[in-house]
Structure formats: C-alpha cells, structure tokens
Amino acid sequence: DKSVVLLDVRTVGEFNMGHMDGFKNIPVDELRERINEIEKGKPVYLICQSELRSYIASRILEGNGYETYNFSGGFRFYDAVVNDRALIEKAYACGMDY
C-alpha cells in the first residue's frame, strides 16, 4: 500500500534476520540523519523488536511533522504469532540464583 510508510527501526542485523514484507529499514540511531528518506504527508507505521525503539522513533518523527503509529508488541510478538512460538519466559526474582 503506497498510501503509508512502513518503517522498521531495528538494527540492520536484526532486520536481516527477519522482517515483515514491505518495511524499509532505517535503524533508530540513524533516523535523524536519514529522515529525508521518509516521505512526508503519509502516516508512518513503525516497528522494532519490542516497542521501545519504535517509540523513540515516533517521538523523533512527530517532532518533525510526521503522523506515526506503533505496532503493538513489536517484531518479537509478530514473529511469535506467525511462527507459533511461545512468548512465555521463566521469571526470576532480581538477585536470586536458581
């Protein structure tokens, strides 16, 4: 769909290990220098691994006049759903050795 911009702000290595079709990769650390590569006037849908970097990217882009939306759960959630992987991890109390 050419009416929106799909932007993956993970590292190049993370992107190369797996990504959603149609997404352009601009790592969040390069976003300010490469912001001119993102077409203005279209909503920008952002994804990262877990939503933190896409939130940072949304703040940068919104400060420059872009309309942004974050994919809830990030690529980790998408990958788990698509590849039927559990997201449950064993939790340990901080400072406790088991």
PDB file of N, CA and C in Angstrom:
ATOM      1  N   ASP A   1       0.853  -1.181   0.000  1.00  0.00           N
ATOM      2  CA  ASP A   1       0.000   0.000   0.000  1.00  0.00           C
ATOM      3  C   ASP A   1       0.890   1.233   0.000  1.00  0.00           C
ATOM      4  N   LYS A   2       0.817   2.017  -1.035  1.00  0.00           N
ATOM      5  CA  LYS A   2       1.675   3.198  -1.183  1.00  0.00           C
ATOM      6  C   LYS A   2       1.151   4.410  -0.425  1.00  0.00           C
ATOM      7  N   SER A   3       0.014   4.265   0.269  1.00  0.00           N
ATOM      8  CA  SER A   3      -0.548   5.404   0.995  1.00  0.00           C
ATOM      9  C   SER A   3       0.048   5.554   2.389  1.00  0.00           C
ATOM     10  N   VAL A   4       0.899   4.612   2.794  1.00  0.00           N
ATOM     11  CA  VAL A   4       1.548   4.667   4.103  1.00  0.00           C
ATOM     12  C   VAL A   4       3.032   4.347   3.949  1.00  0.00           C
ATOM     13  N   VAL A   5       3.802   4.692   4.978  1.00  0.00           N
ATOM     14  CA  VAL A   5       5.217   4.334   5.041  1.00  0.00           C
ATOM     15  C   VAL A   5       5.364   3.273   6.126  1.00  0.00           C
ATOM     16  N   LEU A   6       6.014   2.166   5.799  1.00  0.00           N
ATOM     17  CA  LEU A   6       6.273   1.088   6.748  1.00  0.00           C
ATOM     18  C   LEU A   6       7.755   1.126   7.101  1.00  0.00           C
ATOM     19  N   LEU A   7       8.056   1.372   8.371  1.00  0.00           N
ATOM     20  CA  LEU A   7       9.441   1.606   8.776  1.00  0.00           C
ATOM     21  C   LEU A   7       9.839   0.704   9.942  1.00  0.00           C
ATOM     22  N   ASP A   8      10.897  -0.066   9.735  1.00  0.00           N
ATOM     23  CA  ASP A   8      11.474  -0.938  10.759  1.00  0.00           C
ATOM     24  C   ASP A   8      12.719  -0.233  11.280  1.00  0.00           C
ATOM     25  N   VAL A   9      12.744   0.081  12.582  1.00  0.00           N
ATOM     26  CA  VAL A   9      13.842   0.872  13.145  1.00  0.00           C
ATOM     27  C   VAL A   9      14.839   0.021  13.933  1.00  0.00           C
ATOM     28  N   ARG A  10      14.819  -1.302  13.730  1.00  0.00           N
ATOM     29  CA  ARG A  10      15.806  -2.176  14.357  1.00  0.00           C
ATOM     30  C   ARG A  10      17.143  -2.048  13.632  1.00  0.00           C
ATOM     31  N   THR A  11      18.176  -2.677  14.176  1.00  0.00           N
ATOM     32  CA  THR A  11      19.484  -2.651  13.527  1.00  0.00           C
ATOM     33  C   THR A  11      19.417  -3.397  12.198  1.00  0.00           C
ATOM     34  N   VAL A  12      20.405  -3.160  11.356  1.00  0.00           N
ATOM     35  CA  VAL A  12      20.473  -3.857  10.073  1.00  0.00           C
ATOM     36  C   VAL A  12      20.564  -5.367  10.303  1.00  0.00           C
ATOM     37  N   GLY A  13      21.350  -5.780  11.289  1.00  0.00           N
ATOM     38  CA  GLY A  13      21.481  -7.202  11.594  1.00  0.00           C
ATOM     39  C   GLY A  13      20.169  -7.835  12.007  1.00  0.00           C
ATOM     40  N   GLU A  14      19.414  -7.154  12.867  1.00  0.00           N
ATOM     41  CA  GLU A  14      18.107  -7.661  13.288  1.00  0.00           C
ATOM     42  C   GLU A  14      17.157  -7.751  12.094  1.00  0.00           C
ATOM     43  N   PHE A  15      17.170  -6.718  11.274  1.00  0.00           N
ATOM     44  CA  PHE A  15      16.305  -6.674  10.089  1.00  0.00           C
ATOM     45  C   PHE A  15      16.631  -7.831   9.147  1.00  0.00           C
ATOM     46  N   ASN A  16      17.931  -8.076   8.934  1.00  0.00           N
ATOM     47  CA  ASN A  16      18.347  -9.144   8.024  1.00  0.00           C
ATOM     48  C   ASN A  16      18.012 -10.536   8.552  1.00  0.00           C
ATOM     49  N   MET A  17      17.862 -10.674   9.864  1.00  0.00           N
ATOM     50  CA  MET A  17      17.498 -11.967  10.450  1.00  0.00           C
ATOM     51  C   MET A  17      16.012 -12.276  10.261  1.00  0.00           C
ATOM     52  N   GLY A  18      15.227 -11.264   9.945  1.00  0.00           N
ATOM     53  CA  GLY A  18      13.800 -11.455   9.710  1.00  0.00           C
ATOM     54  C   GLY A  18      13.070 -10.138   9.782  1.00  0.00           C
ATOM     55  N   HIS A  19      12.146  -9.936   8.847  1.00  0.00           N
ATOM     56  CA  HIS A  19      11.368  -8.700   8.835  1.00  0.00           C
ATOM     57  C   HIS A  19      10.046  -8.931   8.113  1.00  0.00           C
ATOM     58  N   MET A  20       9.159  -7.989   8.296  1.00  0.00           N
ATOM     59  CA  MET A  20       7.859  -8.042   7.632  1.00  0.00           C
ATOM     60  C   MET A  20       8.000  -7.478   6.220  1.00  0.00           C
ATOM     61  N   ASP A  21       7.296  -8.081   5.272  1.00  0.00           N
ATOM     62  CA  ASP A  21       7.337  -7.627   3.883  1.00  0.00           C
ATOM     63  C   ASP A  21       6.891  -6.175   3.775  1.00  0.00           C
ATOM     64  N   GLY A  22       7.571  -5.428   2.915  1.00  0.00           N
ATOM     65  CA  GLY A  22       7.184  -4.055   2.631  1.00  0.00           C
ATOM     66  C   GLY A  22       7.805  -3.011   3.535  1.00  0.00           C
ATOM     67  N   PHE A  23       8.523  -3.441   4.573  1.00  0.00           N
ATOM     68  CA  PHE A  23       9.123  -2.490   5.505  1.00  0.00           C
ATOM     69  C   PHE A  23      10.495  -2.039   5.034  1.00  0.00           C
ATOM     70  N   LYS A  24      10.741  -0.744   5.158  1.00  0.00           N
ATOM     71  CA  LYS A  24      12.056  -0.153   4.901  1.00  0.00           C
ATOM     72  C   LYS A  24      12.802  -0.143   6.232  1.00  0.00           C
ATOM     73  N   ASN A  25      14.095  -0.412   6.204  1.00  0.00           N
ATOM     74  CA  ASN A  25      14.892  -0.429   7.427  1.00  0.00           C
ATOM     75  C   ASN A  25      15.731   0.837   7.543  1.00  0.00           C
ATOM     76  N   ILE A  26      15.449   1.623   8.573  1.00  0.00           N
ATOM     77  CA  ILE A  26      16.303   2.737   8.981  1.00  0.00           C
ATOM     78  C   ILE A  26      16.468   2.593  10.488  1.00  0.00           C
ATOM     79  N   PRO A  27      17.645   2.138  10.945  1.00  0.00           N
ATOM     80  CA  PRO A  27      17.846   1.986  12.390  1.00  0.00           C
ATOM     81  C   PRO A  27      17.601   3.304  13.120  1.00  0.00           C
ATOM     82  N   VAL A  28      17.014   3.219  14.306  1.00  0.00           N
ATOM     83  CA  VAL A  28      16.669   4.425  15.062  1.00  0.00           C
ATOM     84  C   VAL A  28      17.893   5.312  15.283  1.00  0.00           C
ATOM     85  N   ASP A  29      19.077   4.716  15.427  1.00  0.00           N
ATOM     86  CA  ASP A  29      20.294   5.506  15.632  1.00  0.00           C
ATOM     87  C   ASP A  29      20.678   6.330  14.411  1.00  0.00           C
ATOM     88  N   GLU A  30      20.140   5.994  13.242  1.00  0.00           N
ATOM     89  CA  GLU A  30      20.434   6.722  12.004  1.00  0.00           C
ATOM     90  C   GLU A  30      19.269   7.604  11.558  1.00  0.00           C
ATOM     91  N   LEU A  31      18.179   7.574  12.299  1.00  0.00           N
ATOM     92  CA  LEU A  31      16.939   8.211  11.851  1.00  0.00           C
ATOM     93  C   LEU A  31      17.087   9.711  11.613  1.00  0.00           C
ATOM     94  N   ARG A  32      17.723  10.416  12.520  1.00  0.00           N
ATOM     95  CA  ARG A  32      17.855  11.873  12.347  1.00  0.00           C
ATOM     96  C   ARG A  32      18.638  12.221  11.077  1.00  0.00           C
ATOM     97  N   GLU A  33      19.671  11.432  10.770  1.00  0.00           N
ATOM     98  CA  GLU A  33      20.482  11.697   9.577  1.00  0.00           C
ATOM     99  C   GLU A  33      19.781  11.273   8.287  1.00  0.00           C
ATOM    100  N   ARG A  34      18.846  10.333   8.380  1.00  0.00           N
ATOM    101  CA  ARG A  34      18.208   9.775   7.184  1.00  0.00           C
ATOM    102  C   ARG A  34      16.726  10.130   7.075  1.00  0.00           C
ATOM    103  N   ILE A  35      16.273  11.078   7.885  1.00  0.00           N
ATOM    104  CA  ILE A  35      14.847  11.406   7.936  1.00  0.00           C
ATOM    105  C   ILE A  35      14.298  11.855   6.578  1.00  0.00           C
ATOM    106  N   ASN A  36      15.160  12.404   5.729  1.00  0.00           N
ATOM    107  CA  ASN A  36      14.717  12.858   4.405  1.00  0.00           C
ATOM    108  C   ASN A  36      14.342  11.689   3.488  1.00  0.00           C
ATOM    109  N   GLU A  37      14.661  10.453   3.875  1.00  0.00           N
ATOM    110  CA  GLU A  37      14.282   9.277   3.090  1.00  0.00           C
ATOM    111  C   GLU A  37      12.824   8.874   3.334  1.00  0.00           C
ATOM    112  N   ILE A  38      12.193   9.497   4.324  1.00  0.00           N
ATOM    113  CA  ILE A  38      10.822   9.150   4.693  1.00  0.00           C
ATOM    114  C   ILE A  38       9.879  10.195   4.114  1.00  0.00           C
ATOM    115  N   GLU A  39       8.971   9.734   3.275  1.00  0.00           N
ATOM    116  CA  GLU A  39       8.058  10.642   2.594  1.00  0.00           C
ATOM    117  C   GLU A  39       7.104  11.306   3.579  1.00  0.00           C
ATOM    118  N   LYS A  40       7.033  12.631   3.485  1.00  0.00           N
ATOM    119  CA  LYS A  40       6.096  13.385   4.337  1.00  0.00           C
ATOM    120  C   LYS A  40       4.697  13.319   3.744  1.00  0.00           C
ATOM    121  N   GLY A  41       3.703  13.516   4.605  1.00  0.00           N
ATOM    122  CA  GLY A  41       2.317  13.527   4.159  1.00  0.00           C
ATOM    123  C   GLY A  41       1.651  12.162   4.182  1.00  0.00           C
ATOM    124  N   LYS A  42       2.409  11.134   4.556  1.00  0.00           N
ATOM    125  CA  LYS A  42       1.846   9.790   4.684  1.00  0.00           C
ATOM    126  C   LYS A  42       2.043   9.323   6.117  1.00  0.00           C
ATOM    127  N   PRO A  43       1.079   8.589   6.678  1.00  0.00           N
ATOM    128  CA  PRO A  43       1.284   8.041   8.016  1.00  0.00           C
ATOM    129  C   PRO A  43       2.449   7.050   8.004  1.00  0.00           C
ATOM    130  N   VAL A  44       3.226   7.051   9.079  1.00  0.00           N
ATOM    131  CA  VAL A  44       4.378   6.161   9.199  1.00  0.00           C
ATOM    132  C   VAL A  44       4.062   5.108  10.258  1.00  0.00           C
ATOM    133  N   TYR A  45       4.086   3.843   9.843  1.00  0.00           N
ATOM    134  CA  TYR A  45       3.874   2.726  10.763  1.00  0.00           C
ATOM    135  C   TYR A  45       5.236   2.175  11.148  1.00  0.00           C
ATOM    136  N   LEU A  46       5.502   2.162  12.450  1.00  0.00           N
ATOM    137  CA  LEU A  46       6.821   1.812  12.974  1.00  0.00           C
ATOM    138  C   LEU A  46       6.814   0.463  13.675  1.00  0.00           C
ATOM    139  N   ILE A  47       7.934  -0.243  13.534  1.00  0.00           N
ATOM    140  CA  ILE A  47       8.120  -1.481  14.289  1.00  0.00           C
ATOM    141  C   ILE A  47       9.583  -1.590  14.697  1.00  0.00           C
ATOM    142  N   CYS A  48       9.803  -2.159  15.877  1.00  0.00           N
ATOM    143  CA  CYS A  48      11.146  -2.526  16.325  1.00  0.00           C
ATOM    144  C   CYS A  48      11.015  -3.905  16.956  1.00  0.00           C
ATOM    145  N   GLN A  49      11.922  -4.273  17.833  1.00  0.00           N
ATOM    146  CA  GLN A  49      11.844  -5.606  18.428  1.00  0.00           C
ATOM    147  C   GLN A  49      10.734  -5.705  19.469  1.00  0.00           C
ATOM    148  N   SER A  50      10.611  -4.643  20.308  1.00  0.00           N
ATOM    149  CA  SER A  50       9.654  -4.755  21.424  1.00  0.00           C
ATOM    150  C   SER A  50       8.878  -3.476  21.725  1.00  0.00           C
ATOM    151  N   GLU A  51       8.972  -2.465  20.917  1.00  0.00           N
ATOM    152  CA  GLU A  51       8.252  -1.183  21.000  1.00  0.00           C
ATOM    153  C   GLU A  51       9.072  -0.026  21.560  1.00  0.00           C
ATOM    154  N   LEU A  52      10.203  -0.257  22.194  1.00  0.00           N
ATOM    155  CA  LEU A  52      10.979   0.844  22.772  1.00  0.00           C
ATOM    156  C   LEU A  52      11.585   1.736  21.690  1.00  0.00           C
ATOM    157  N   ARG A  53      12.316   1.160  20.763  1.00  0.00           N
ATOM    158  CA  ARG A  53      12.950   1.972  19.715  1.00  0.00           C
ATOM    159  C   ARG A  53      11.921   2.593  18.783  1.00  0.00           C
ATOM    160  N   SER A  54      10.822   1.898  18.529  1.00  0.00           N
ATOM    161  CA  SER A  54       9.791   2.497  17.673  1.00  0.00           C
ATOM    162  C   SER A  54       9.127   3.675  18.378  1.00  0.00           C
ATOM    163  N   TYR A  55       9.030   3.621  19.704  1.00  0.00           N
ATOM    164  CA  TYR A  55       8.508   4.768  20.458  1.00  0.00           C
ATOM    165  C   TYR A  55       9.466   5.959  20.318  1.00  0.00           C
ATOM    166  N   ILE A  56      10.756   5.706  20.467  1.00  0.00           N
ATOM    167  CA  ILE A  56      11.758   6.771  20.309  1.00  0.00           C
ATOM    168  C   ILE A  56      11.678   7.342  18.894  1.00  0.00           C
ATOM    169  N   ALA A  57      11.577   6.464  17.906  1.00  0.00           N
ATOM    170  CA  ALA A  57      11.470   6.910  16.514  1.00  0.00           C
ATOM    171  C   ALA A  57      10.206   7.731  16.295  1.00  0.00           C
ATOM    172  N   SER A  58       9.109   7.330  16.914  1.00  0.00           N
ATOM    173  CA  SER A  58       7.863   8.089  16.749  1.00  0.00           C
ATOM    174  C   SER A  58       8.006   9.495  17.305  1.00  0.00           C
ATOM    175  N   ARG A  59       8.706   9.648  18.415  1.00  0.00           N
ATOM    176  CA  ARG A  59       8.921  10.978  19.004  1.00  0.00           C
ATOM    177  C   ARG A  59       9.772  11.842  18.065  1.00  0.00           C
ATOM    178  N   ILE A  60      10.803  11.257  17.485  1.00  0.00           N
ATOM    179  CA  ILE A  60      11.654  11.989  16.536  1.00  0.00           C
ATOM    180  C   ILE A  60      10.832  12.416  15.327  1.00  0.00           C
ATOM    181  N   LEU A  61      10.080  11.487  14.765  1.00  0.00           N
ATOM    182  CA  LEU A  61       9.303  11.780  13.563  1.00  0.00           C
ATOM    183  C   LEU A  61       8.180  12.774  13.833  1.00  0.00           C
ATOM    184  N   GLU A  62       7.455  12.593  14.934  1.00  0.00           N
ATOM    185  CA  GLU A  62       6.379  13.531  15.261  1.00  0.00           C
ATOM    186  C   GLU A  62       6.924  14.934  15.487  1.00  0.00           C
ATOM    187  N   GLY A  63       8.108  15.041  16.049  1.00  0.00           N
ATOM    188  CA  GLY A  63       8.750  16.339  16.229  1.00  0.00           C
ATOM    189  C   GLY A  63       9.119  17.003  14.916  1.00  0.00           C
ATOM    190  N   ASN A  64       9.129  16.202  13.843  1.00  0.00           N
ATOM    191  CA  ASN A  64       9.433  16.718  12.509  1.00  0.00           C
ATOM    192  C   ASN A  64       8.213  16.720  11.597  1.00  0.00           C
ATOM    193  N   GLY A  65       7.022  16.640  12.191  1.00  0.00           N
ATOM    194  CA  GLY A  65       5.795  16.792  11.420  1.00  0.00           C
ATOM    195  C   GLY A  65       5.191  15.535  10.830  1.00  0.00           C
ATOM    196  N   TYR A  66       5.648  14.366  11.224  1.00  0.00           N
ATOM    197  CA  TYR A  66       5.094  13.115  10.716  1.00  0.00           C
ATOM    198  C   TYR A  66       3.986  12.602  11.630  1.00  0.00           C
ATOM    199  N   GLU A  67       3.041  11.881  11.043  1.00  0.00           N
ATOM    200  CA  GLU A  67       1.999  11.180  11.796  1.00  0.00           C
ATOM    201  C   GLU A  67       2.473   9.736  11.947  1.00  0.00           C
ATOM    202  N   THR A  68       2.561   9.231  13.184  1.00  0.00           N
ATOM    203  CA  THR A  68       3.136   7.903  13.401  1.00  0.00           C
ATOM    204  C   THR A  68       2.202   6.967  14.162  1.00  0.00           C
ATOM    205  N   TYR A  69       2.424   5.681  13.933  1.00  0.00           N
ATOM    206  CA  TYR A  69       1.705   4.611  14.625  1.00  0.00           C
ATOM    207  C   TYR A  69       2.699   3.495  14.933  1.00  0.00           C
ATOM    208  N   ASN A  70       2.592   2.914  16.133  1.00  0.00           N
ATOM    209  CA  ASN A  70       3.460   1.818  16.553  1.00  0.00           C
ATOM    210  C   ASN A  70       2.738   0.485  16.437  1.00  0.00           C
ATOM    211  N   PHE A  71       3.452  -0.546  15.992  1.00  0.00           N
ATOM    212  CA  PHE A  71       2.919  -1.903  16.012  1.00  0.00           C
ATOM    213  C   PHE A  71       3.048  -2.442  17.425  1.00  0.00           C
ATOM    214  N   SER A  72       1.936  -2.711  18.079  1.00  0.00           N
ATOM    215  CA  SER A  72       1.942  -3.217  19.453  1.00  0.00           C
ATOM    216  C   SER A  72       2.660  -4.557  19.527  1.00  0.00           C
ATOM    217  N   GLY A  73       3.545  -4.679  20.500  1.00  0.00           N
ATOM    218  CA  GLY A  73       4.269  -5.926  20.701  1.00  0.00           C
ATOM    219  C   GLY A  73       5.550  -6.034  19.908  1.00  0.00           C
ATOM    220  N   GLY A  74       5.709  -5.211  18.891  1.00  0.00           N
ATOM    221  CA  GLY A  74       6.929  -5.222  18.098  1.00  0.00           C
ATOM    222  C   GLY A  74       7.099  -6.487  17.265  1.00  0.00           C
ATOM    223  N   PHE A  75       8.277  -6.586  16.645  1.00  0.00           N
ATOM    224  CA  PHE A  75       8.557  -7.719  15.769  1.00  0.00           C
ATOM    225  C   PHE A  75       8.608  -9.028  16.552  1.00  0.00           C
ATOM    226  N   ARG A  76       9.031  -8.958  17.786  1.00  0.00           N
ATOM    227  CA  ARG A  76       9.095 -10.170  18.613  1.00  0.00           C
ATOM    228  C   ARG A  76       7.707 -10.814  18.714  1.00  0.00           C
ATOM    229  N   PHE A  77       6.690 -10.008  18.960  1.00  0.00           N
ATOM    230  CA  PHE A  77       5.324 -10.527  19.046  1.00  0.00           C
ATOM    231  C   PHE A  77       4.861 -11.051  17.690  1.00  0.00           C
ATOM    232  N   TYR A  78       5.096 -10.277  16.636  1.00  0.00           N
ATOM    233  CA  TYR A  78       4.715 -10.686  15.280  1.00  0.00           C
ATOM    234  C   TYR A  78       5.347 -12.030  14.933  1.00  0.00           C
ATOM    235  N   ASP A  79       6.650 -12.153  15.183  1.00  0.00           N
ATOM    236  CA  ASP A  79       7.376 -13.383  14.869  1.00  0.00           C
ATOM    237  C   ASP A  79       6.818 -14.564  15.665  1.00  0.00           C
ATOM    238  N   ALA A  80       6.495 -14.340  16.924  1.00  0.00           N
ATOM    239  CA  ALA A  80       5.943 -15.406  17.764  1.00  0.00           C
ATOM    240  C   ALA A  80       4.593 -15.877  17.234  1.00  0.00           C
ATOM    241  N   VAL A  81       3.758 -14.951  16.818  1.00  0.00           N
ATOM    242  CA  VAL A  81       2.432 -15.311  16.305  1.00  0.00           C
ATOM    243  C   VAL A  81       2.554 -16.032  14.965  1.00  0.00           C
ATOM    244  N   VAL A  82       3.332 -15.472  14.060  1.00  0.00           N
ATOM    245  CA  VAL A  82       3.467 -16.043  12.720  1.00  0.00           C
ATOM    246  C   VAL A  82       4.131 -17.417  12.770  1.00  0.00           C
ATOM    247  N   ASN A  83       5.117 -17.567  13.631  1.00  0.00           N
ATOM    248  CA  ASN A  83       5.870 -18.820  13.701  1.00  0.00           C
ATOM    249  C   ASN A  83       5.451 -19.708  14.866  1.00  0.00           C
ATOM    250  N   ASP A  84       4.311 -19.381  15.491  1.00  0.00           N
ATOM    251  CA  ASP A  84       3.734 -20.179  16.571  1.00  0.00           C
ATOM    252  C   ASP A  84       4.755 -20.460  17.677  1.00  0.00           C
ATOM    253  N   ARG A  85       5.390 -19.390  18.155  1.00  0.00           N
ATOM    254  CA  ARG A  85       6.367 -19.507  19.239  1.00  0.00           C
ATOM    255  C   ARG A  85       5.783 -18.919  20.508  1.00  0.00           C
ATOM    256  N   ALA A  86       6.054 -19.552  21.615  1.00  0.00           N
ATOM    257  CA  ALA A  86       5.578 -19.046  22.906  1.00  0.00           C
ATOM    258  C   ALA A  86       6.391 -17.830  23.317  1.00  0.00           C
ATOM    259  N   LEU A  87       5.725 -16.860  23.938  1.00  0.00           N
ATOM    260  CA  LEU A  87       6.406 -15.681  24.460  1.00  0.00           C
ATOM    261  C   LEU A  87       6.621 -15.787  25.967  1.00  0.00           C
ATOM    262  N   ILE A  88       6.270 -16.902  26.534  1.00  0.00           N
ATOM    263  CA  ILE A  88       6.392 -17.064  27.983  1.00  0.00           C
ATOM    264  C   ILE A  88       7.836 -17.413  28.327  1.00  0.00           C
ATOM    265  N   GLU A  89       8.398 -16.663  29.256  1.00  0.00           N
ATOM    266  CA  GLU A  89       9.755 -16.918  29.716  1.00  0.00           C
ATOM    267  C   GLU A  89       9.722 -17.098  31.220  1.00  0.00           C
ATOM    268  N   LYS A  90      10.621 -17.906  31.740  1.00  0.00           N
ATOM    269  CA  LYS A  90      10.697 -18.127  33.178  1.00  0.00           C
ATOM    270  C   LYS A  90      11.163 -16.839  33.843  1.00  0.00           C
ATOM    271  N   ALA A  91      10.472 -16.422  34.878  1.00  0.00           N
ATOM    272  CA  ALA A  91      10.816 -15.197  35.603  1.00  0.00           C
ATOM    273  C   ALA A  91      11.545 -15.554  36.891  1.00  0.00           C
ATOM    274  N   TYR A  92      12.570 -14.796  37.184  1.00  0.00           N
ATOM    275  CA  TYR A  92      13.328 -14.967  38.420  1.00  0.00           C
ATOM    276  C   TYR A  92      13.294 -13.668  39.200  1.00  0.00           C
ATOM    277  N   ALA A  93      13.294 -13.776  40.510  1.00  0.00           N
ATOM    278  CA  ALA A  93      13.391 -12.580  41.349  1.00  0.00           C
ATOM    279  C   ALA A  93      14.780 -11.987  41.180  1.00  0.00           C
ATOM    280  N   CYS A  94      14.870 -10.672  41.164  1.00  0.00           N
ATOM    281  CA  CYS A  94      16.156  -9.992  40.998  1.00  0.00           C
ATOM    282  C   CYS A  94      17.120 -10.405  42.103  1.00  0.00           C
ATOM    283  N   GLY A  95      18.337 -10.716  41.718  1.00  0.00           N
ATOM    284  CA  GLY A  95      19.372 -11.042  42.689  1.00  0.00           C
ATOM    285  C   GLY A  95      19.309 -12.455  43.228  1.00  0.00           C
ATOM    286  N   MET A  96      18.419 -13.258  42.720  1.00  0.00           N
ATOM    287  CA  MET A  96      18.280 -14.633  43.208  1.00  0.00           C
ATOM    288  C   MET A  96      18.946 -15.594  42.229  1.00  0.00           C
ATOM    289  N   ASP A  97      19.740 -16.498  42.750  1.00  0.00           N
ATOM    290  CA  ASP A  97      20.355 -17.534  41.922  1.00  0.00           C
ATOM    291  C   ASP A  97      19.562 -18.823  42.072  1.00  0.00           C
ATOM    292  N   TYR A  98      19.231 -19.437  40.961  1.00  0.00           N
ATOM    293  CA  TYR A  98      18.489 -20.693  40.995  1.00  0.00           C
ATOM    294  C   TYR A  98      19.282 -21.764  40.297  1.00  0.00           C
TER     295      TYR A  98
END
